[in-house]
All heavy atoms as atom14 arrays in JSON, in Angstrom:
{
  "sequence": "VYEHRSRLERSLQKERGEHKKTKEDFLVYKLEAQEALNKEKQDSMN",
  "atom14_mask": [
    [1, 1, 1, 1, 1, 1, 1, 0, 0, 0, 0, 0, 0, 0],
    [1, 1, 1, 1, 1, 1, 1, 1, 1, 1, 1, 1, 0, 0],
    [1, 1, 1, 1, 1, 1, 1, 1, 1, 0, 0, 0, 0, 0],
    [1, 1, 1, 1, 1, 1, 1, 1, 1, 1, 0, 0, 0, 0],
    [1, 1, 1, 1, 1, 1, 1, 1, 1, 1, 1, 0, 0, 0],
    [1, 1, 1, 1, 1, 1, 0, 0, 0, 0, 0, 0, 0, 0],
    [1, 1, 1, 1, 1, 1, 1, 1, 1, 1, 1, 0, 0, 0],
    [1, 1, 1, 1, 1, 1, 1, 1, 0, 0, 0, 0, 0, 0],
    [1, 1, 1, 1, 1, 1, 1, 1, 1, 0, 0, 0, 0, 0],
    [1, 1, 1, 1, 1, 1, 1, 1, 1, 1, 1, 0, 0, 0],
    [1, 1, 1, 1, 1, 1, 0, 0, 0, 0, 0, 0, 0, 0],
    [1, 1, 1, 1, 1, 1, 1, 1, 0, 0, 0, 0, 0, 0],
    [1, 1, 1, 1, 1, 1, 1, 1, 1, 0, 0, 0, 0, 0],
    [1, 1, 1, 1, 1, 1, 1, 1, 1, 0, 0, 0, 0, 0],
    [1, 1, 1, 1, 1, 1, 1, 1, 1, 0, 0, 0, 0, 0],
    [1, 1, 1, 1, 1, 1, 1, 1, 1, 1, 1, 0, 0, 0],
    [1, 1, 1, 1, 0, 0, 0, 0, 0, 0, 0, 0, 0, 0],
    [1, 1, 1, 1, 1, 1, 1, 1, 1, 0, 0, 0, 0, 0],
    [1, 1, 1, 1, 1, 1, 1, 1, 1, 1, 0, 0, 0, 0],
    [1, 1, 1, 1, 1, 1, 1, 1, 1, 0, 0, 0, 0, 0],
    [1, 1, 1, 1, 1, 1, 1, 1, 1, 0, 0, 0, 0, 0],
    [1, 1, 1, 1, 1, 1, 1, 0, 0, 0, 0, 0, 0, 0],
    [1, 1, 1, 1, 1, 1, 1, 1, 1, 0, 0, 0, 0, 0],
    [1, 1, 1, 1, 1, 1, 1, 1, 1, 0, 0, 0, 0, 0],
    [1, 1, 1, 1, 1, 1, 1, 1, 0, 0, 0, 0, 0, 0],
    [1, 1, 1, 1, 1, 1, 1, 1, 1, 1, 1, 0, 0, 0],
    [1, 1, 1, 1, 1, 1, 1, 1, 0, 0, 0, 0, 0, 0],
    [1, 1, 1, 1, 1, 1, 1, 0, 0, 0, 0, 0, 0, 0],
    [1, 1, 1, 1, 1, 1, 1, 1, 1, 1, 1, 1, 0, 0],
    [1, 1, 1, 1, 1, 1, 1, 1, 1, 0, 0, 0, 0, 0],
    [1, 1, 1, 1, 1, 1, 1, 1, 0, 0, 0, 0, 0, 0],
    [1, 1, 1, 1, 1, 1, 1, 1, 1, 0, 0, 0, 0, 0],
    [1, 1, 1, 1, 1, 0, 0, 0, 0, 0, 0, 0, 0, 0],
    [1, 1, 1, 1, 1, 1, 1, 1, 1, 0, 0, 0, 0, 0],
    [1, 1, 1, 1, 1, 1, 1, 1, 1, 0, 0, 0, 0, 0],
    [1, 1, 1, 1, 1, 0, 0, 0, 0, 0, 0, 0, 0, 0],
    [1, 1, 1, 1, 1, 1, 1, 1, 0, 0, 0, 0, 0, 0],
    [1, 1, 1, 1, 1, 1, 1, 1, 0, 0, 0, 0, 0, 0],
    [1, 1, 1, 1, 1, 1, 1, 1, 1, 0, 0, 0, 0, 0],
    [1, 1, 1, 1, 1, 1, 1, 1, 1, 0, 0, 0, 0, 0],
    [1, 1, 1, 1, 1, 1, 1, 1, 1, 0, 0, 0, 0, 0],
    [1, 1, 1, 1, 1, 1, 1, 1, 1, 0, 0, 0, 0, 0],
    [1, 1, 1, 1, 1, 1, 1, 1, 0, 0, 0, 0, 0, 0],
    [1, 1, 1, 1, 1, 1, 0, 0, 0, 0, 0, 0, 0, 0],
    [1, 1, 1, 1, 1, 1, 1, 1, 0, 0, 0, 0, 0, 0],
    [1, 1, 1, 1, 1, 1, 1, 1, 0, 0, 0, 0, 0, 0]
  ],
  "atom14_positions": [
    [[0.85, -1.19, 0.0], [0.0, 0.0, 0.0], [0.88, 1.24, 0.0], [0.62, 2.2, -0.72], [-0.94, -0.02, 1.22], [-1.69, 1.3, 1.36], [-1.89, -1.17, 1.15], [0.0, 0.0, 0.0], [0.0, 0.0, 0.0], [0.0, 0.0, 0.0], [0.0, 0.0, 0.0], [0.0, 0.0, 0.0], [0.0, 0.0, 0.0], [0.0, 0.0, 0.0]],
    [[1.94, 1.2, 0.8], [2.84, 2.35, 0.87], [3.47, 2.62, -0.5], [3.54, 3.75, -0.97], [3.92, 2.08, 1.93], [4.95, 3.16, 1.98], [4.67, 4.4, 2.56], [6.21, 2.97, 1.4], [5.64, 5.39, 2.6], [7.16, 3.97, 1.44], [6.87, 5.17, 2.05], [7.82, 6.16, 2.07], [0.0, 0.0, 0.0], [0.0, 0.0, 0.0]],
    [[3.93, 1.58, -1.18], [4.55, 1.73, -2.49], [3.53, 2.22, -3.5], [3.83, 3.08, -4.33], [5.12, 0.36, -2.93], [6.31, 0.55, -3.82], [6.98, -0.78, -4.09], [7.59, -1.35, -3.2], [6.87, -1.18, -5.27], [0.0, 0.0, 0.0], [0.0, 0.0, 0.0], [0.0, 0.0, 0.0], [0.0, 0.0, 0.0], [0.0, 0.0, 0.0]],
    [[2.34, 1.7, -3.43], [1.28, 2.14, -4.34], [0.98, 3.62, -4.12], [0.84, 4.39, -5.07], [0.04, 1.27, -4.12], [-1.08, 1.59, -5.07], [-0.96, 1.43, -6.45], [-2.33, 2.1, -4.88], [-2.07, 1.8, -7.02], [-2.93, 2.22, -6.08], [0.0, 0.0, 0.0], [0.0, 0.0, 0.0], [0.0, 0.0, 0.0], [0.0, 0.0, 0.0]],
    [[0.89, 3.99, -2.85], [0.63, 5.39, -2.52], [1.76, 6.27, -3.03], [1.54, 7.37, -3.56], [0.46, 5.53, -1.01], [0.12, 6.91, -0.61], [-0.16, 6.98, 0.88], [-0.38, 8.38, 1.21], [0.05, 8.96, 2.29], [0.71, 8.28, 3.19], [-0.19, 10.22, 2.49], [0.0, 0.0, 0.0], [0.0, 0.0, 0.0], [0.0, 0.0, 0.0]],
    [[2.99, 5.82, -2.86], [4.15, 6.57, -3.29], [4.12, 6.76, -4.81], [4.39, 7.84, -5.34], [5.41, 5.82, -2.84], [6.53, 6.41, -3.38], [0.0, 0.0, 0.0], [0.0, 0.0, 0.0], [0.0, 0.0, 0.0], [0.0, 0.0, 0.0], [0.0, 0.0, 0.0], [0.0, 0.0, 0.0], [0.0, 0.0, 0.0], [0.0, 0.0, 0.0]],
    [[3.77, 5.72, -5.58], [3.65, 5.83, -7.05], [2.55, 6.8, -7.45], [2.72, 7.59, -8.36], [3.38, 4.46, -7.65], [4.64, 3.76, -8.0], [4.36, 2.52, -8.83], [4.52, 1.38, -7.96], [3.83, 0.27, -7.96], [2.87, 0.1, -8.84], [4.07, -0.69, -7.13], [0.0, 0.0, 0.0], [0.0, 0.0, 0.0], [0.0, 0.0, 0.0]],
    [[1.44, 6.7, -6.71], [0.32, 7.6, -7.0], [0.7, 9.05, -6.75], [0.36, 9.95, -7.54], [-0.91, 7.25, -6.16], [-1.72, 6.04, -6.63], [-2.87, 5.77, -5.64], [-2.3, 6.28, -8.01], [0.0, 0.0, 0.0], [0.0, 0.0, 0.0], [0.0, 0.0, 0.0], [0.0, 0.0, 0.0], [0.0, 0.0, 0.0], [0.0, 0.0, 0.0]],
    [[1.44, 9.31, -5.65], [1.85, 10.68, -5.36], [2.82, 11.2, -6.42], [2.74, 12.34, -6.87], [2.48, 10.76, -3.96], [1.46, 10.75, -2.86], [2.11, 10.82, -1.47], [3.35, 11.01, -1.39], [1.36, 10.72, -0.49], [0.0, 0.0, 0.0], [0.0, 0.0, 0.0], [0.0, 0.0, 0.0], [0.0, 0.0, 0.0], [0.0, 0.0, 0.0]],
    [[3.76, 10.35, -6.85], [4.69, 10.74, -7.91], [3.93, 11.02, -9.2], [4.2, 11.98, -9.92], [5.74, 9.66, -8.14], [6.9, 9.78, -7.17], [7.93, 8.79, -7.54], [7.31, 7.47, -7.34], [7.92, 6.34, -7.14], [9.21, 6.3, -7.16], [7.3, 5.23, -6.95], [0.0, 0.0, 0.0], [0.0, 0.0, 0.0], [0.0, 0.0, 0.0]],
    [[3.01, 10.13, -9.48], [2.19, 10.31, -10.7], [1.38, 11.6, -10.61], [1.27, 12.37, -11.59], [1.27, 9.11, -10.86], [0.43, 9.27, -11.96], [0.0, 0.0, 0.0], [0.0, 0.0, 0.0], [0.0, 0.0, 0.0], [0.0, 0.0, 0.0], [0.0, 0.0, 0.0], [0.0, 0.0, 0.0], [0.0, 0.0, 0.0], [0.0, 0.0, 0.0]],
    [[0.82, 11.88, -9.42], [0.06, 13.12, -9.21], [0.96, 14.32, -9.38], [0.58, 15.31, -10.02], [-0.59, 13.1, -7.82], [-1.43, 14.33, -7.47], [-2.63, 14.44, -8.43], [-1.92, 14.25, -6.03], [0.0, 0.0, 0.0], [0.0, 0.0, 0.0], [0.0, 0.0, 0.0], [0.0, 0.0, 0.0], [0.0, 0.0, 0.0], [0.0, 0.0, 0.0]],
    [[2.19, 14.28, -8.82], [3.14, 15.39, -8.96], [3.49, 15.6, -10.43], [3.58, 16.72, -10.92], [4.43, 15.11, -8.17], [4.3, 15.29, -6.69], [4.07, 16.74, -6.31], [3.36, 17.48, -6.99], [4.66, 17.15, -5.18], [0.0, 0.0, 0.0], [0.0, 0.0, 0.0], [0.0, 0.0, 0.0], [0.0, 0.0, 0.0], [0.0, 0.0, 0.0]],
    [[3.73, 14.47, -11.11], [4.06, 14.55, -12.53], [2.89, 15.17, -13.3], [3.08, 16.05, -14.15], [4.36, 13.15, -13.05], [4.88, 13.13, -14.45], [5.22, 11.69, -14.85], [5.62, 11.63, -16.29], [5.81, 10.27, -16.76], [0.0, 0.0, 0.0], [0.0, 0.0, 0.0], [0.0, 0.0, 0.0], [0.0, 0.0, 0.0], [0.0, 0.0, 0.0]],
    [[1.67, 14.75, -13.02], [0.47, 15.29, -13.67], [0.31, 16.77, -13.35], [-0.02, 17.58, -14.23], [-0.79, 14.55, -13.22], [-0.96, 13.18, -13.82], [-1.23, 13.23, -15.31], [-1.95, 14.14, -15.79], [-0.67, 12.38, -16.03], [0.0, 0.0, 0.0], [0.0, 0.0, 0.0], [0.0, 0.0, 0.0], [0.0, 0.0, 0.0], [0.0, 0.0, 0.0]],
    [[0.57, 17.15, -12.1], [0.48, 18.57, -11.73], [1.51, 19.39, -12.51], [1.23, 20.5, -12.95], [0.69, 18.75, -10.22], [-0.51, 18.39, -9.42], [-0.29, 18.7, -7.95], [-1.49, 18.36, -7.17], [-1.49, 18.1, -5.89], [-0.36, 18.13, -5.2], [-2.61, 17.83, -5.27], [0.0, 0.0, 0.0], [0.0, 0.0, 0.0], [0.0, 0.0, 0.0]],
    [[2.71, 18.9, -12.63], [3.77, 19.59, -13.39], [3.38, 19.75, -14.85], [3.53, 20.82, -15.45], [0.0, 0.0, 0.0], [0.0, 0.0, 0.0], [0.0, 0.0, 0.0], [0.0, 0.0, 0.0], [0.0, 0.0, 0.0], [0.0, 0.0, 0.0], [0.0, 0.0, 0.0], [0.0, 0.0, 0.0], [0.0, 0.0, 0.0], [0.0, 0.0, 0.0]],
    [[2.88, 18.61, -15.41], [2.45, 18.69, -16.81], [1.27, 19.65, -16.97], [1.21, 20.42, -17.94], [2.05, 17.29, -17.31], [3.24, 16.4, -17.56], [2.82, 14.99, -17.98], [1.6, 14.74, -18.14], [3.71, 14.15, -18.14], [0.0, 0.0, 0.0], [0.0, 0.0, 0.0], [0.0, 0.0, 0.0], [0.0, 0.0, 0.0], [0.0, 0.0, 0.0]],
    [[0.36, 19.61, -15.98], [-0.8, 20.51, -16.03], [-0.36, 21.97, -15.95], [-0.85, 22.82, -16.7], [-1.76, 20.17, -14.89], [-2.96, 21.09, -14.83], [-3.92, 21.07, -15.79], [-3.33, 22.04, -13.93], [-4.84, 21.98, -15.5], [-4.51, 22.59, -14.35], [0.0, 0.0, 0.0], [0.0, 0.0, 0.0], [0.0, 0.0, 0.0], [0.0, 0.0, 0.0]],
    [[0.63, 22.24, -15.05], [1.13, 23.6, -14.91], [1.8, 24.05, -16.2], [1.59, 25.17, -16.67], [2.11, 23.65, -13.73], [2.55, 25.04, -13.37], [3.42, 25.02, -12.12], [3.82, 26.42, -11.74], [4.71, 26.42, -10.56], [0.0, 0.0, 0.0], [0.0, 0.0, 0.0], [0.0, 0.0, 0.0], [0.0, 0.0, 0.0], [0.0, 0.0, 0.0]],
    [[2.61, 23.17, -16.82], [3.3, 23.51, -18.07], [2.26, 23.72, -19.17], [2.36, 24.68, -19.95], [4.27, 22.41, -18.45], [5.02, 22.72, -19.75], [6.24, 21.88, -19.89], [7.01, 22.08, -21.16], [6.83, 23.24, -21.92], [0.0, 0.0, 0.0], [0.0, 0.0, 0.0], [0.0, 0.0, 0.0], [0.0, 0.0, 0.0], [0.0, 0.0, 0.0]],
    [[1.27, 22.86, -19.26], [0.21, 23.0, -20.27], [-0.55, 24.3, -20.07], [-0.87, 25.0, -21.03], [-0.76, 21.8, -20.19], [-0.03, 20.58, -20.33], [-1.81, 21.87, -21.27], [0.0, 0.0, 0.0], [0.0, 0.0, 0.0], [0.0, 0.0, 0.0], [0.0, 0.0, 0.0], [0.0, 0.0, 0.0], [0.0, 0.0, 0.0], [0.0, 0.0, 0.0]],
    [[-0.82, 24.63, -18.8], [-1.53, 25.86, -18.49], [-0.7, 27.07, -18.93], [-1.23, 28.02, -19.52], [-1.85, 25.92, -17.0], [-2.82, 26.99, -16.61], [-3.17, 26.88, -15.12], [-4.18, 27.93, -14.74], [-4.53, 27.85, -13.32], [0.0, 0.0, 0.0], [0.0, 0.0, 0.0], [0.0, 0.0, 0.0], [0.0, 0.0, 0.0], [0.0, 0.0, 0.0]],
    [[0.61, 27.05, -18.63], [1.49, 28.15, -19.05], [1.56, 28.25, -20.57], [1.5, 29.34, -21.13], [2.9, 27.94, -18.47], [2.99, 28.21, -16.98], [4.37, 27.85, -16.41], [5.25, 27.38, -17.19], [4.56, 28.03, -15.2], [0.0, 0.0, 0.0], [0.0, 0.0, 0.0], [0.0, 0.0, 0.0], [0.0, 0.0, 0.0], [0.0, 0.0, 0.0]],
    [[1.69, 27.08, -21.23], [1.7, 27.08, -22.69], [0.4, 27.65, -23.25], [0.41, 28.42, -24.22], [1.9, 25.65, -23.23], [3.32, 25.15, -23.02], [4.19, 25.99, -22.69], [3.55, 23.94, -23.2], [0.0, 0.0, 0.0], [0.0, 0.0, 0.0], [0.0, 0.0, 0.0], [0.0, 0.0, 0.0], [0.0, 0.0, 0.0], [0.0, 0.0, 0.0]],
    [[-0.71, 27.26, -22.62], [-2.02, 27.77, -23.08], [-2.11, 29.28, -22.89], [-2.61, 30.0, -23.76], [-3.15, 27.07, -22.33], [-4.5, 27.64, -22.65], [-5.09, 27.39, -23.9], [-5.17, 28.46, -21.75], [-6.32, 27.94, -24.2], [-6.39, 29.02, -22.07], [-6.98, 28.74, -23.29], [0.0, 0.0, 0.0], [0.0, 0.0, 0.0], [0.0, 0.0, 0.0]],
    [[-1.63, 29.8, -21.75], [-1.66, 31.24, -21.5], [-0.8, 31.98, -22.52], [-1.19, 33.04, -23.03], [-1.21, 31.55, -20.07], [-2.21, 31.17, -18.97], [-1.6, 31.43, -17.58], [-3.5, 31.94, -19.12], [0.0, 0.0, 0.0], [0.0, 0.0, 0.0], [0.0, 0.0, 0.0], [0.0, 0.0, 0.0], [0.0, 0.0, 0.0], [0.0, 0.0, 0.0]],
    [[0.39, 31.42, -22.84], [1.26, 32.04, -23.85], [0.55, 32.03, -25.2], [0.51, 33.03, -25.92], [2.62, 31.31, -23.91], [3.4, 31.72, -25.15], [3.43, 31.58, -22.65], [0.0, 0.0, 0.0], [0.0, 0.0, 0.0], [0.0, 0.0, 0.0], [0.0, 0.0, 0.0], [0.0, 0.0, 0.0], [0.0, 0.0, 0.0], [0.0, 0.0, 0.0]],
    [[-0.05, 30.85, -25.56], [-0.77, 30.74, -26.82], [-1.94, 31.73, -26.87], [-2.16, 32.41, -27.89], [-1.27, 29.31, -27.01], [-2.24, 29.16, -28.15], [-1.79, 29.14, -29.47], [-3.6, 29.07, -27.91], [-2.69, 29.03, -30.52], [-4.5, 28.96, -28.95], [-4.04, 28.93, -30.26], [-4.92, 28.8, -31.29], [0.0, 0.0, 0.0], [0.0, 0.0, 0.0]],
    [[-2.66, 31.82, -25.73], [-3.81, 32.73, -25.67], [-3.36, 34.17, -25.85], [-3.99, 34.95, -26.58], [-4.53, 32.55, -24.33], [-5.77, 33.37, -24.17], [-6.42, 33.12, -22.8], [-7.56, 34.07, -22.56], [-8.13, 33.92, -21.22], [0.0, 0.0, 0.0], [0.0, 0.0, 0.0], [0.0, 0.0, 0.0], [0.0, 0.0, 0.0], [0.0, 0.0, 0.0]],
    [[-2.26, 34.56, -25.21], [-1.74, 35.91, -25.31], [-1.3, 36.21, -26.75], [-1.61, 37.27, -27.31], [-0.57, 36.1, -24.34], [0.0, 37.49, -24.22], [-1.06, 38.45, -23.66], [1.23, 37.51, -23.33], [0.0, 0.0, 0.0], [0.0, 0.0, 0.0], [0.0, 0.0, 0.0], [0.0, 0.0, 0.0], [0.0, 0.0, 0.0], [0.0, 0.0, 0.0]],
    [[-0.58, 35.25, -27.37], [-0.14, 35.44, -28.76], [-1.35, 35.54, -29.7], [-1.37, 36.37, -30.61], [0.77, 34.28, -29.19], [2.15, 34.34, -28.56], [2.98, 33.11, -28.89], [2.43, 32.13, -29.48], [4.17, 33.1, -28.56], [0.0, 0.0, 0.0], [0.0, 0.0, 0.0], [0.0, 0.0, 0.0], [0.0, 0.0, 0.0], [0.0, 0.0, 0.0]],
    [[-2.34, 34.69, -29.47], [-3.55, 34.71, -30.31], [-4.28, 36.04, -30.14], [-4.76, 36.63, -31.12], [-4.45, 33.54, -29.96], [0.0, 0.0, 0.0], [0.0, 0.0, 0.0], [0.0, 0.0, 0.0], [0.0, 0.0, 0.0], [0.0, 0.0, 0.0], [0.0, 0.0, 0.0], [0.0, 0.0, 0.0], [0.0, 0.0, 0.0], [0.0, 0.0, 0.0]],
    [[-4.34, 36.54, -28.91], [-5.01, 37.82, -28.64], [-4.28, 38.96, -29.35], [-4.88, 39.83, -29.95], [-5.08, 38.06, -27.13], [-5.91, 39.24, -26.73], [-7.4, 39.0, -26.99], [-7.88, 37.88, -26.88], [-8.11, 40.03, -27.37], [0.0, 0.0, 0.0], [0.0, 0.0, 0.0], [0.0, 0.0, 0.0], [0.0, 0.0, 0.0], [0.0, 0.0, 0.0]],
    [[-2.92, 38.93, -29.27], [-2.13, 39.96, -29.94], [-2.32, 39.89, -31.46], [-2.48, 40.93, -32.12], [-0.64, 39.81, -29.59], [-0.3, 40.24, -28.18], [1.17, 39.97, -27.82], [1.92, 39.44, -28.68], [1.56, 40.3, -26.69], [0.0, 0.0, 0.0], [0.0, 0.0, 0.0], [0.0, 0.0, 0.0], [0.0, 0.0, 0.0], [0.0, 0.0, 0.0]],
    [[-2.31, 38.68, -32.0], [-2.51, 38.52, -33.45], [-3.9, 39.0, -33.84], [-4.07, 39.69, -34.87], [-2.32, 37.06, -33.85], [0.0, 0.0, 0.0], [0.0, 0.0, 0.0], [0.0, 0.0, 0.0], [0.0, 0.0, 0.0], [0.0, 0.0, 0.0], [0.0, 0.0, 0.0], [0.0, 0.0, 0.0], [0.0, 0.0, 0.0], [0.0, 0.0, 0.0]],
    [[-4.88, 38.68, -33.01], [-6.25, 39.11, -33.29], [-6.36, 40.64, -33.24], [-6.98, 41.26, -34.11], [-7.22, 38.47, -32.29], [-8.7, 38.75, -32.49], [-9.16, 38.14, -33.81], [-9.51, 38.21, -31.33], [0.0, 0.0, 0.0], [0.0, 0.0, 0.0], [0.0, 0.0, 0.0], [0.0, 0.0, 0.0], [0.0, 0.0, 0.0], [0.0, 0.0, 0.0]],
    [[-5.73, 41.24, -32.22], [-5.74, 42.7, -32.1], [-5.05, 43.35, -33.3], [-5.53, 44.35, -33.85], [-5.08, 43.15, -30.8], [-5.94, 42.89, -29.58], [-7.15, 42.7, -29.71], [-5.34, 42.84, -28.4], [0.0, 0.0, 0.0], [0.0, 0.0, 0.0], [0.0, 0.0, 0.0], [0.0, 0.0, 0.0], [0.0, 0.0, 0.0], [0.0, 0.0, 0.0]],
    [[-3.91, 42.77, -33.71], [-3.19, 43.31, -34.87], [-4.05, 43.19, -36.13], [-4.17, 44.14, -36.91], [-1.87, 42.57, -35.05], [-1.0, 43.15, -36.16], [0.34, 42.44, -36.22], [1.26, 43.09, -37.21], [1.0, 42.79, -38.56], [0.0, 0.0, 0.0], [0.0, 0.0, 0.0], [0.0, 0.0, 0.0], [0.0, 0.0, 0.0], [0.0, 0.0, 0.0]],
    [[-4.66, 42.05, -36.31], [-5.53, 41.84, -37.48], [-6.73, 42.78, -37.44], [-7.13, 43.35, -38.46], [-5.98, 40.38, -37.51], [-6.62, 39.98, -38.83], [-6.93, 38.49, -38.88], [-6.12, 37.67, -38.41], [-8.01, 38.17, -39.41], [0.0, 0.0, 0.0], [0.0, 0.0, 0.0], [0.0, 0.0, 0.0], [0.0, 0.0, 0.0], [0.0, 0.0, 0.0]],
    [[-7.26, 42.97, -36.24], [-8.4, 43.88, -36.08], [-7.98, 45.31, -36.42], [-8.71, 46.03, -37.13], [-8.92, 43.81, -34.64], [-10.16, 44.6, -34.38], [-10.64, 44.42, -32.94], [-11.88, 45.21, -32.65], [-12.32, 45.07, -31.25], [0.0, 0.0, 0.0], [0.0, 0.0, 0.0], [0.0, 0.0, 0.0], [0.0, 0.0, 0.0], [0.0, 0.0, 0.0]],
    [[-6.8, 45.72, -35.97], [-6.3, 47.06, -36.26], [-6.08, 47.24, -37.77], [-6.45, 48.25, -38.35], [-5.0, 47.31, -35.49], [-4.47, 48.71, -35.61], [-5.42, 49.74, -35.01], [-6.04, 49.51, -34.0], [-5.52, 50.89, -35.65], [0.0, 0.0, 0.0], [0.0, 0.0, 0.0], [0.0, 0.0, 0.0], [0.0, 0.0, 0.0], [0.0, 0.0, 0.0]],
    [[-5.48, 46.22, -38.39], [-5.26, 46.27, -39.85], [-6.6, 46.37, -40.59], [-6.73, 47.15, -41.54], [-4.5, 45.02, -40.34], [-3.04, 45.01, -39.89], [-2.56, 46.08, -39.45], [-2.4, 43.95, -39.99], [0.0, 0.0, 0.0], [0.0, 0.0, 0.0], [0.0, 0.0, 0.0], [0.0, 0.0, 0.0], [0.0, 0.0, 0.0], [0.0, 0.0, 0.0]],
    [[-7.56, 45.59, -40.12], [-8.89, 45.63, -40.75], [-9.53, 47.0, -40.59], [-10.14, 47.53, -41.54], [-9.8, 44.57, -40.15], [-9.32, 43.28, -40.45], [0.0, 0.0, 0.0], [0.0, 0.0, 0.0], [0.0, 0.0, 0.0], [0.0, 0.0, 0.0], [0.0, 0.0, 0.0], [0.0, 0.0, 0.0], [0.0, 0.0, 0.0], [0.0, 0.0, 0.0]],
    [[-9.38, 47.59, -39.41], [-9.96, 48.91, -39.17], [-9.27, 49.96, -40.06], [-9.93, 50.85, -40.62], [-9.82, 49.31, -37.7], [-10.72, 48.52, -36.76], [-12.47, 48.62, -37.18], [-12.81, 50.3, -36.75], [0.0, 0.0, 0.0], [0.0, 0.0, 0.0], [0.0, 0.0, 0.0], [0.0, 0.0, 0.0], [0.0, 0.0, 0.0], [0.0, 0.0, 0.0]],
    [[-7.94, 49.84, -40.2], [-7.21, 50.76, -41.08], [-7.68, 50.6, -42.52], [-7.91, 51.59, -43.23], [-5.7, 50.52, -40.99], [-5.12, 50.96, -39.65], [-5.73, 51.75, -38.94], [-3.95, 50.44, -39.31], [0.0, 0.0, 0.0], [0.0, 0.0, 0.0], [0.0, 0.0, 0.0], [0.0, 0.0, 0.0], [0.0, 0.0, 0.0], [0.0, 0.0, 0.0]]
  ]
}
């Protein structure tokens, strides 16, 4: 049980790390997409 719990905690830590990295990647992607959209919107308005 202890070993199983230890694997689960490592797996949870790994999942949290991946989730944090995915979240950061998504925020960067969202920011870039927003900037591109704003630039395209400005070009369209011009």
